[in-house]
Amino acid sequence: MTGFRLPVPTSSLALALIFFLGGLATESPADEVTAPPASEVERLELHPFYRKYLSADGIPIVSSEKVSDFALKEVAFLIEKMIGDRPDLLKAIAAARVRFSIMAPTEYTTDIPEHSHLDPPEYWDRRARGIGSTPDHPAVSCGEENLLDFRGDPYSTECIFVHEFAHTIHQQGLNEVDPGFQKRLESVFAKAKLKGLWKGKYAGTNPAEYWAEGIQSWFDCNRQNDFEHNYVNTREELKEYDPGLAALVESVFGESPWRYRKPKDRDPAESAHLAGYDPASAPVFQWPAEMIAAYESVERGDHLEKVPMLPLASFAEGETRSPHGENSSEVYLRVDNRTTDTIRFFWLDFDGRRKNYGQVDPGRRWEQSTFPGHLWLATDAEGHPVAFFAAGDKPGLAVIE
C-alpha cells in the first residue's frame, strides 16, 4: 500500500476526447446526482455530512459536497458491471441498508460518519482509503482519487472499490441469499492454505480477505509482487494458481467478459457516465505530513506498554497456568511476529492446558483481548515453544524476534 503514481503520458486532449465520445450516449434522470431524498435520509438515518446522492439499482451512493458527481456515477457504473445481472444480490445489499460513501481527497476515513468511531483516528485516517461495511456501521467507503485516477493516488495499481464491494457482496449479499456459501468459502480457503498458497500474503490472512483479493484478480485490478501480494493479479493467473478460488468466484459472477480498466484506458462505450470529466483539472492526492508521522507512531506501537518475554525455562507443560482474576477488566494485547516463520498462539488456561487462539504469518501482527496476568505461549508451526509472556494491566505490545 505504498508508492505514489507518476503522471501518465496520455495527453489530456486524448482523455477529453474519449470522455466526449462516451458522452454521445444519453443519461436517464435516474442517473443524475441529487441531494439525498428525505425518504432516504430517514430510512438510512443519513448524517448531514452527506450532501450528494445517487441510487444504483436501489443501493445508495453518498458523499459530501466536496466530491465530484463523476465519482458517484463511477461507483454506480462499477456496481452494475460487477453484479448488474444478480438482482438477488442487489436486493439483499439494499435491504441491509448498505450505502457507499466516497471520500474527497481532503477527507479521510474517520470523516465518514459511519466510520468516525474508529480509534485511534490518526491511525485509521492514514491506514485506509476504503473500509467495508458491518451491520452496525453499514457504509462502504472509498477515495475519489482511486475511482477517478487522480495523480498521487496511493493505490493507483489497484481498484479499492472492487475489493471493498467484494466484502459487501460476501457478507451482506451471498451470506443472505446462499446459506451454504460461507462454508464453501472456508473449505476452499483451508485447502489453499494446506497447499501453501498465498503464504505470507494478504489473501492468506482469513477467508474474507481471501475472497476479496480473489475478486480483485478476477477483474484484473489487484496489485502484484509486493509485501502483501504475489504475482497473481489477473483472472488467467488466478485460474492457474488457485483453481479452487477461481471456481468459487466464477460460480458467483460467471465468466463475465468485463475486466476493470482505469477511466483513461476504457473504450468510449464504457465512458458515457464520465462525459464532461476533465482529468487535467482533477486535484492531486497527498497525505498530510503530520498524518504520516502519527500513523507511523501507531505502527511502531509507541502508545503501547512493552510486554517482556518470560524465560522459556520457567514454562512447564501442564503446570504453568493463567491466574484467576474475576474482577479484572479486559486488556488489549498486540504481538508482532518479526521472525521468518509462522507463529501459533495459545492461551494457557486455569488448568495449564493450551487453548489455540490462531496463528500469524511472518512480518504480521496478532491482536487479542485478554486479562492482566494471563499467560500466552507462542510456538512454531510444529508446536515447539518459542516465546512465553504475560499480559500486563495496560494495552501492551509483545515482540517475537
Protein backbone atom coordinates (compact mmCIF):
# COMPACT_ATOMS: atom_id res chain seq x y z
CA MET A 1 0.00 0.00 0.00
CA THR A 2 2.85 2.31 -0.78
CA GLY A 3 4.05 4.22 -3.78
CA PHE A 4 2.73 7.32 -5.44
CA ARG A 5 1.57 7.27 -9.02
CA LEU A 6 3.63 9.09 -11.63
CA PRO A 7 1.82 11.25 -14.21
CA VAL A 8 0.52 9.20 -17.12
CA PRO A 9 1.92 10.24 -20.52
CA THR A 10 -1.53 10.10 -22.13
CA SER A 11 -2.46 13.64 -23.16
CA SER A 12 -5.34 15.50 -21.55
CA LEU A 13 -6.71 16.17 -25.04
CA ALA A 14 -6.91 12.46 -25.79
CA LEU A 15 -8.61 11.78 -22.48
CA ALA A 16 -11.10 14.57 -23.04
CA LEU A 17 -11.89 13.14 -26.49
CA ILE A 18 -12.60 9.72 -25.00
CA PHE A 19 -14.99 11.17 -22.46
CA PHE A 20 -16.65 13.39 -25.09
CA LEU A 21 -17.28 10.45 -27.41
CA GLY A 22 -18.59 8.44 -24.49
CA GLY A 23 -20.95 11.29 -23.76
CA LEU A 24 -22.80 10.80 -27.03
CA ALA A 25 -24.91 8.28 -25.12
CA THR A 26 -27.67 9.89 -23.09
CA GLU A 27 -28.32 9.57 -19.38
CA SER A 28 -31.68 8.95 -17.82
CA PRO A 29 -32.98 11.14 -14.95
CA ALA A 30 -32.21 8.26 -12.59
CA ASP A 31 -28.51 8.77 -13.40
CA GLU A 32 -28.48 12.31 -12.05
CA VAL A 33 -26.81 13.15 -8.74
CA THR A 34 -29.14 14.95 -6.32
CA ALA A 35 -29.33 15.90 -2.68
CA PRO A 36 -30.27 12.89 -0.51
CA PRO A 37 -34.07 12.44 -0.72
CA ALA A 38 -35.86 12.94 2.59
CA SER A 39 -37.16 9.37 2.45
CA GLU A 40 -33.62 8.02 2.17
CA VAL A 41 -32.32 10.28 4.92
CA GLU A 42 -34.96 8.81 7.21
CA ARG A 43 -34.61 5.19 6.06
CA LEU A 44 -30.84 5.15 6.24
CA GLU A 45 -30.50 7.63 9.12
CA LEU A 46 -28.08 9.60 6.97
CA HIS A 47 -25.83 12.13 8.67
CA PRO A 48 -25.97 15.77 7.46
CA PHE A 49 -22.37 15.23 6.24
CA TYR A 50 -23.89 13.69 3.14
CA ARG A 51 -24.95 16.30 0.60
CA LYS A 52 -24.94 14.21 -2.60
CA TYR A 53 -26.86 11.07 -3.52
CA LEU A 54 -27.23 8.63 -6.40
CA SER A 55 -29.08 5.30 -6.48
CA ALA A 56 -27.56 2.26 -8.21
CA ASP A 57 -30.39 -0.26 -8.55
CA GLY A 58 -31.59 0.64 -5.07
CA ILE A 59 -28.14 0.85 -3.49
CA PRO A 60 -27.42 4.41 -2.27
CA ILE A 61 -24.18 6.18 -3.15
CA VAL A 62 -23.45 9.24 -0.99
CA SER A 63 -20.81 11.88 -0.38
CA SER A 64 -20.19 15.37 0.91
CA GLU A 65 -20.41 18.37 -1.41
CA LYS A 66 -16.62 18.15 -1.95
CA VAL A 67 -16.86 15.04 -4.14
CA SER A 68 -17.33 15.27 -7.90
CA ASP A 69 -20.61 13.96 -9.34
CA PHE A 70 -18.48 11.84 -11.65
CA ALA A 71 -17.19 9.80 -8.70
CA LEU A 72 -20.74 8.85 -7.68
CA LYS A 73 -21.52 7.89 -11.28
CA GLU A 74 -18.35 5.81 -11.44
CA VAL A 75 -19.43 3.80 -8.38
CA ALA A 76 -22.84 3.18 -9.98
CA PHE A 77 -21.07 2.02 -13.15
CA LEU A 78 -18.87 -0.42 -11.22
CA ILE A 79 -21.79 -1.86 -9.24
CA GLU A 80 -23.67 -2.54 -12.47
CA LYS A 81 -20.64 -4.15 -14.12
CA MET A 82 -19.92 -6.41 -11.15
CA ILE A 83 -23.40 -7.64 -10.17
CA GLY A 84 -25.87 -5.97 -12.51
CA ASP A 85 -27.03 -9.43 -13.58
CA ARG A 86 -27.52 -10.61 -9.96
CA PRO A 87 -30.72 -8.83 -8.82
CA ASP A 88 -30.87 -11.15 -5.81
CA LEU A 89 -27.56 -9.76 -4.53
CA LEU A 90 -28.55 -6.17 -5.29
CA LYS A 91 -31.79 -6.65 -3.37
CA ALA A 92 -30.06 -8.24 -0.35
CA ILE A 93 -27.43 -5.50 -0.15
CA ALA A 94 -30.05 -2.76 -0.43
CA ALA A 95 -32.16 -4.44 2.27
CA ALA A 96 -29.13 -4.38 4.60
CA ARG A 97 -29.16 -0.55 4.33
CA VAL A 98 -25.62 -0.55 2.94
CA ARG A 99 -24.51 2.74 1.45
CA PHE A 100 -21.36 3.62 -0.50
CA SER A 101 -19.56 6.64 0.94
CA ILE A 102 -16.99 8.44 -1.19
CA MET A 103 -14.16 10.46 0.37
CA ALA A 104 -12.83 13.58 -1.34
CA PRO A 105 -9.01 13.85 -1.45
CA THR A 106 -9.14 16.15 1.58
CA GLU A 107 -11.43 13.83 3.55
CA TYR A 108 -10.29 10.79 5.50
CA THR A 109 -11.67 7.57 6.91
CA THR A 110 -12.97 8.94 10.21
CA ASP A 111 -14.65 11.85 8.42
CA ILE A 112 -17.16 9.28 7.17
CA PRO A 113 -19.88 9.34 9.87
CA GLU A 114 -20.30 5.56 9.96
CA HIS A 115 -16.54 5.14 10.48
CA SER A 116 -15.98 8.03 12.89
CA HIS A 117 -15.79 5.57 15.81
CA LEU A 118 -12.53 4.00 14.60
CA ASP A 119 -9.74 4.60 17.09
CA PRO A 120 -7.14 5.95 17.06
CA PRO A 121 -8.29 8.22 14.23
CA GLU A 122 -4.75 9.25 13.25
CA TYR A 123 -4.04 5.58 12.53
CA TRP A 124 -7.18 4.82 10.56
CA ASP A 125 -7.09 8.04 8.55
CA ARG A 126 -3.70 7.02 7.12
CA ARG A 127 -4.25 3.27 7.23
CA ALA A 128 -7.08 3.03 4.71
CA ARG A 129 -8.70 4.77 1.78
CA GLY A 130 -11.54 2.28 1.91
CA ILE A 131 -13.39 0.40 4.66
CA GLY A 132 -16.02 -2.32 4.41
CA SER A 133 -19.48 -2.31 5.93
CA THR A 134 -20.79 -4.09 9.02
CA PRO A 135 -24.36 -4.42 10.34
CA ASP A 136 -23.69 -1.72 12.95
CA HIS A 137 -21.76 0.52 10.55
CA PRO A 138 -23.30 -0.16 7.12
CA ALA A 139 -21.05 2.03 4.97
CA VAL A 140 -18.51 1.00 2.35
CA SER A 141 -16.02 3.80 1.77
CA CYS A 142 -13.53 4.54 -0.97
CA GLY A 143 -11.44 7.50 -2.08
CA GLU A 144 -12.40 9.69 -5.02
CA GLU A 145 -8.77 9.69 -6.17
CA ASN A 146 -8.83 5.94 -6.73
CA LEU A 147 -12.17 5.99 -8.54
CA LEU A 148 -11.16 8.75 -10.98
CA ASP A 149 -7.42 8.05 -11.13
CA PHE A 150 -6.08 11.29 -9.66
CA ARG A 151 -2.35 11.87 -9.57
CA GLY A 152 -0.89 10.90 -6.21
CA ASP A 153 -3.38 8.05 -5.64
CA PRO A 154 -1.53 5.79 -3.16
CA TYR A 155 -3.37 2.75 -4.52
CA SER A 156 -3.01 3.55 -8.22
CA THR A 157 -2.24 -0.03 -9.28
CA GLU A 158 -5.48 -1.49 -7.93
CA CYS A 159 -9.18 -0.70 -7.52
CA ILE A 160 -10.10 -0.25 -3.87
CA PHE A 161 -13.82 -0.16 -4.66
CA VAL A 162 -13.75 -3.65 -6.20
CA HIS A 163 -12.06 -5.01 -3.06
CA GLU A 164 -14.42 -3.37 -0.58
CA PHE A 165 -17.52 -4.15 -2.64
CA ALA A 166 -16.36 -7.78 -2.75
CA HIS A 167 -16.64 -7.82 1.06
CA THR A 168 -20.17 -6.43 0.84
CA ILE A 169 -21.17 -8.97 -1.81
CA HIS A 170 -19.87 -11.68 0.52
CA GLN A 171 -21.21 -10.56 3.88
CA GLN A 172 -24.41 -8.69 3.07
CA GLY A 173 -25.17 -10.43 -0.21
CA LEU A 174 -24.11 -14.06 -0.58
CA ASN A 175 -24.43 -14.94 3.09
CA GLU A 176 -28.08 -13.86 2.85
CA VAL A 177 -29.11 -15.44 -0.46
CA ASP A 178 -26.89 -18.54 -0.28
CA PRO A 179 -26.72 -20.06 3.25
CA GLY A 180 -24.05 -22.57 2.19
CA PHE A 181 -21.66 -20.04 0.71
CA GLN A 182 -19.66 -19.32 3.89
CA LYS A 183 -18.86 -22.99 4.46
CA ARG A 184 -17.78 -23.41 0.83
CA LEU A 185 -15.54 -20.35 1.11
CA GLU A 186 -13.96 -21.59 4.34
CA SER A 187 -13.40 -25.03 2.80
CA VAL A 188 -11.70 -23.63 -0.31
CA PHE A 189 -9.59 -21.32 1.87
CA ALA A 190 -8.50 -24.19 4.13
CA LYS A 191 -7.48 -26.30 1.11
CA ALA A 192 -5.48 -23.42 -0.32
CA LYS A 193 -3.64 -22.96 2.99
CA LEU A 194 -2.82 -26.68 3.14
CA LYS A 195 -1.28 -26.40 -0.32
CA GLY A 196 0.85 -23.48 0.85
CA LEU A 197 -0.89 -20.97 -1.40
CA TRP A 198 -0.83 -17.26 -0.51
CA LYS A 199 1.68 -17.84 2.31
CA GLY A 200 2.56 -14.55 3.96
CA LYS A 201 0.25 -12.62 1.63
CA TYR A 202 -2.90 -10.64 2.34
CA ALA A 203 -5.08 -13.24 0.62
CA GLY A 204 -3.87 -15.78 3.18
CA THR A 205 -5.00 -13.71 6.18
CA ASN A 206 -8.54 -15.08 6.52
CA PRO A 207 -11.45 -16.27 4.32
CA ALA A 208 -12.89 -12.77 3.94
CA GLU A 209 -9.67 -11.25 2.58
CA TYR A 210 -9.03 -14.39 0.52
CA TRP A 211 -12.37 -13.79 -1.21
CA ALA A 212 -11.90 -10.03 -1.73
CA GLU A 213 -8.37 -10.44 -3.08
CA GLY A 214 -9.62 -13.17 -5.41
CA ILE A 215 -12.33 -10.86 -6.76
CA GLN A 216 -9.75 -8.17 -7.50
CA SER A 217 -7.67 -10.61 -9.52
CA TRP A 218 -10.80 -11.97 -11.25
CA PHE A 219 -11.50 -8.48 -12.56
CA ASP A 220 -7.80 -7.75 -13.30
CA CYS A 221 -7.36 -4.97 -10.74
CA ASN A 222 -5.07 -6.25 -7.99
CA ARG A 223 -1.55 -5.25 -7.01
CA GLN A 224 1.31 -7.69 -7.50
CA ASN A 225 4.81 -8.54 -6.32
CA ASP A 226 4.97 -6.60 -3.07
CA PHE A 227 4.83 -7.41 0.65
CA GLU A 228 1.07 -8.06 0.53
CA HIS A 229 0.85 -9.80 -2.86
CA ASN A 230 2.49 -12.39 -5.09
CA TYR A 231 2.42 -12.28 -8.90
CA VAL A 232 -1.30 -13.12 -9.26
CA ASN A 233 -3.36 -10.12 -10.39
CA THR A 234 -5.39 -11.32 -13.40
CA ARG A 235 -8.18 -13.82 -14.00
CA GLU A 236 -5.95 -16.13 -16.00
CA GLU A 237 -3.26 -16.15 -13.32
CA LEU A 238 -5.85 -16.82 -10.61
CA LYS A 239 -7.24 -19.81 -12.52
CA GLU A 240 -3.76 -21.26 -12.86
CA TYR A 241 -2.53 -20.53 -9.32
CA ASP A 242 -5.67 -21.24 -7.25
CA PRO A 243 -8.27 -23.13 -9.33
CA GLY A 244 -10.45 -23.67 -6.25
CA LEU A 245 -10.86 -19.96 -5.57
CA ALA A 246 -11.31 -19.19 -9.26
CA ALA A 247 -14.11 -21.77 -9.50
CA LEU A 248 -15.85 -20.32 -6.43
CA VAL A 249 -15.65 -16.80 -7.85
CA GLU A 250 -16.93 -17.98 -11.23
CA SER A 251 -19.89 -19.67 -9.53
CA VAL A 252 -20.99 -16.21 -8.35
CA PHE A 253 -20.02 -13.92 -11.23
CA GLY A 254 -19.99 -16.29 -14.18
CA GLU A 255 -17.39 -15.98 -16.92
CA SER A 256 -18.15 -12.30 -17.39
CA PRO A 257 -16.05 -10.70 -20.15
CA TRP A 258 -15.82 -7.43 -18.22
CA ARG A 259 -12.48 -6.51 -16.69
CA TYR A 260 -11.74 -3.36 -14.73
CA ARG A 261 -9.83 -0.64 -16.54
CA LYS A 262 -8.87 2.83 -15.35
CA PRO A 263 -11.15 5.51 -16.85
CA LYS A 264 -8.37 6.68 -19.20
CA ASP A 265 -7.99 3.16 -20.63
CA ARG A 266 -11.64 2.41 -21.43
CA ASP A 267 -13.47 2.26 -24.72
CA PRO A 268 -15.81 5.21 -25.34
CA ALA A 269 -18.81 2.92 -24.87
CA GLU A 270 -17.84 2.50 -21.20
CA SER A 271 -17.26 6.21 -20.61
CA ALA A 272 -20.73 7.69 -21.11
CA HIS A 273 -21.17 8.40 -17.42
CA LEU A 274 -17.92 10.41 -17.41
CA ALA A 275 -18.90 12.74 -20.27
CA GLY A 276 -17.53 16.18 -19.43
CA TYR A 277 -14.96 14.97 -16.91
CA ASP A 278 -11.63 16.75 -17.34
CA PRO A 279 -8.75 14.73 -15.83
CA ALA A 280 -6.37 17.68 -16.23
CA SER A 281 -8.35 19.71 -13.71
CA ALA A 282 -8.53 16.93 -11.11
CA PRO A 283 -6.78 17.58 -7.78
CA VAL A 284 -3.64 15.76 -6.67
CA PHE A 285 -3.89 13.47 -3.65
CA GLN A 286 -1.27 13.90 -0.93
CA TRP A 287 -1.03 12.60 2.63
CA PRO A 288 -0.53 15.38 5.22
CA ALA A 289 2.92 15.07 6.81
CA GLU A 290 1.52 15.11 10.35
CA MET A 291 -0.85 12.25 9.48
CA ILE A 292 2.03 10.13 8.20
CA ALA A 293 4.03 10.75 11.39
CA ALA A 294 1.08 9.87 13.63
CA TYR A 295 0.39 6.69 11.66
CA GLU A 296 3.99 5.54 11.84
CA SER A 297 3.98 6.10 15.60
CA VAL A 298 0.96 3.82 15.99
CA GLU A 299 2.52 1.25 13.64
CA ARG A 300 5.60 1.14 15.87
CA GLY A 301 3.41 0.70 18.92
CA ASP A 302 4.69 3.83 20.66
CA HIS A 303 1.36 4.11 22.51
CA LEU A 304 1.59 0.57 23.93
CA GLU A 305 3.36 -0.68 27.03
CA LYS A 306 6.14 -3.10 26.15
CA VAL A 307 5.45 -6.67 27.30
CA PRO A 308 8.65 -8.50 28.32
CA MET A 309 9.28 -12.12 27.39
CA LEU A 310 9.42 -14.60 30.28
CA PRO A 311 12.21 -17.20 30.42
CA LEU A 312 11.18 -20.28 28.45
CA ALA A 313 12.89 -22.35 31.13
CA SER A 314 10.14 -21.26 33.54
CA PHE A 315 7.42 -22.77 31.33
CA ALA A 316 6.28 -26.22 32.46
CA GLU A 317 3.81 -28.02 30.20
CA GLY A 318 0.56 -28.71 32.06
CA GLU A 319 1.68 -26.85 35.16
CA THR A 320 2.14 -23.23 34.09
CA ARG A 321 -1.31 -21.69 34.18
CA SER A 322 -3.08 -18.33 33.99
CA PRO A 323 -4.25 -16.87 37.31
CA HIS A 324 -7.93 -16.38 38.08
CA GLY A 325 -8.92 -12.71 38.08
CA GLU A 326 -12.67 -12.40 38.24
CA ASN A 327 -12.56 -8.66 38.96
CA SER A 328 -10.11 -7.78 36.19
CA SER A 329 -11.03 -5.74 33.12
CA GLU A 330 -10.08 -6.84 29.63
CA VAL A 331 -6.83 -5.51 28.21
CA TYR A 332 -5.59 -5.22 24.61
CA LEU A 333 -2.56 -7.27 23.56
CA ARG A 334 -0.68 -6.93 20.28
CA VAL A 335 2.08 -9.30 19.22
CA ASP A 336 4.40 -8.52 16.29
CA ASN A 337 5.91 -11.54 14.56
CA ARG A 338 9.33 -10.39 13.39
CA THR A 339 10.59 -13.90 12.70
CA THR A 340 10.70 -15.63 9.32
CA ASP A 341 8.28 -18.36 10.43
CA THR A 342 4.56 -18.72 11.08
CA ILE A 343 3.83 -18.37 14.81
CA ARG A 344 0.94 -20.05 16.64
CA PHE A 345 -0.59 -18.64 19.84
CA PHE A 346 -2.01 -20.50 22.81
CA TRP A 347 -3.66 -19.22 25.96
CA LEU A 348 -2.59 -21.25 28.99
CA ASP A 349 -5.88 -21.83 30.80
CA PHE A 350 -6.56 -22.13 34.53
CA ASP A 351 -5.60 -25.81 34.42
CA GLY A 352 -2.42 -25.29 32.42
CA ARG A 353 -3.84 -26.56 29.14
CA ARG A 354 -3.08 -24.96 25.79
CA LYS A 355 -6.03 -23.27 24.08
CA ASN A 356 -5.36 -22.45 20.44
CA TYR A 357 -6.09 -18.82 19.53
CA GLY A 358 -4.75 -18.74 15.98
CA GLN A 359 -1.57 -18.02 14.12
CA VAL A 360 0.23 -15.18 12.36
CA ASP A 361 2.49 -15.21 9.31
CA PRO A 362 6.00 -13.69 9.27
CA GLY A 363 6.07 -9.90 9.36
CA ARG A 364 2.48 -9.59 10.56
CA ARG A 365 0.76 -8.89 13.86
CA TRP A 366 -1.71 -10.71 16.08
CA GLU A 367 -4.21 -8.88 18.29
CA GLN A 368 -6.20 -10.24 21.21
CA SER A 369 -8.35 -9.10 24.11
CA THR A 370 -7.14 -10.81 27.28
CA PHE A 371 -6.84 -10.16 31.02
CA PRO A 372 -3.97 -8.87 33.17
CA GLY A 373 -1.61 -11.64 34.18
CA HIS A 374 -2.95 -14.19 31.71
CA LEU A 375 -0.21 -16.29 30.19
CA TRP A 376 0.37 -16.79 26.47
CA LEU A 377 2.60 -19.28 24.69
CA ALA A 378 3.94 -18.73 21.18
CA THR A 379 5.11 -21.78 19.24
CA ASP A 380 6.42 -22.62 15.80
CA ALA A 381 4.23 -24.45 13.28
CA GLU A 382 5.09 -27.80 14.91
CA GLY A 383 4.06 -26.64 18.38
CA HIS A 384 7.52 -26.12 19.86
CA PRO A 385 7.61 -23.14 22.28
CA VAL A 386 9.47 -20.07 21.02
CA ALA A 387 8.21 -17.38 23.42
CA PHE A 388 6.27 -17.06 26.65
CA PHE A 389 4.76 -13.90 28.17
CA ALA A 390 2.09 -12.48 30.46
CA ALA A 391 -0.36 -9.71 29.60
CA GLY A 392 0.08 -6.52 31.59
CA ASP A 393 -2.63 -4.32 33.08
CA LYS A 394 -2.39 -1.78 30.23
CA PRO A 395 -2.64 -2.16 26.44
CA GLY A 396 0.59 -3.89 25.53
CA LEU A 397 2.96 -4.88 22.73
CA ALA A 398 4.97 -8.10 22.71
CA VAL A 399 7.59 -8.61 20.01
CA ILE A 400 8.74 -12.06 18.92
CA GLU A 401 12.11 -11.91 17.16
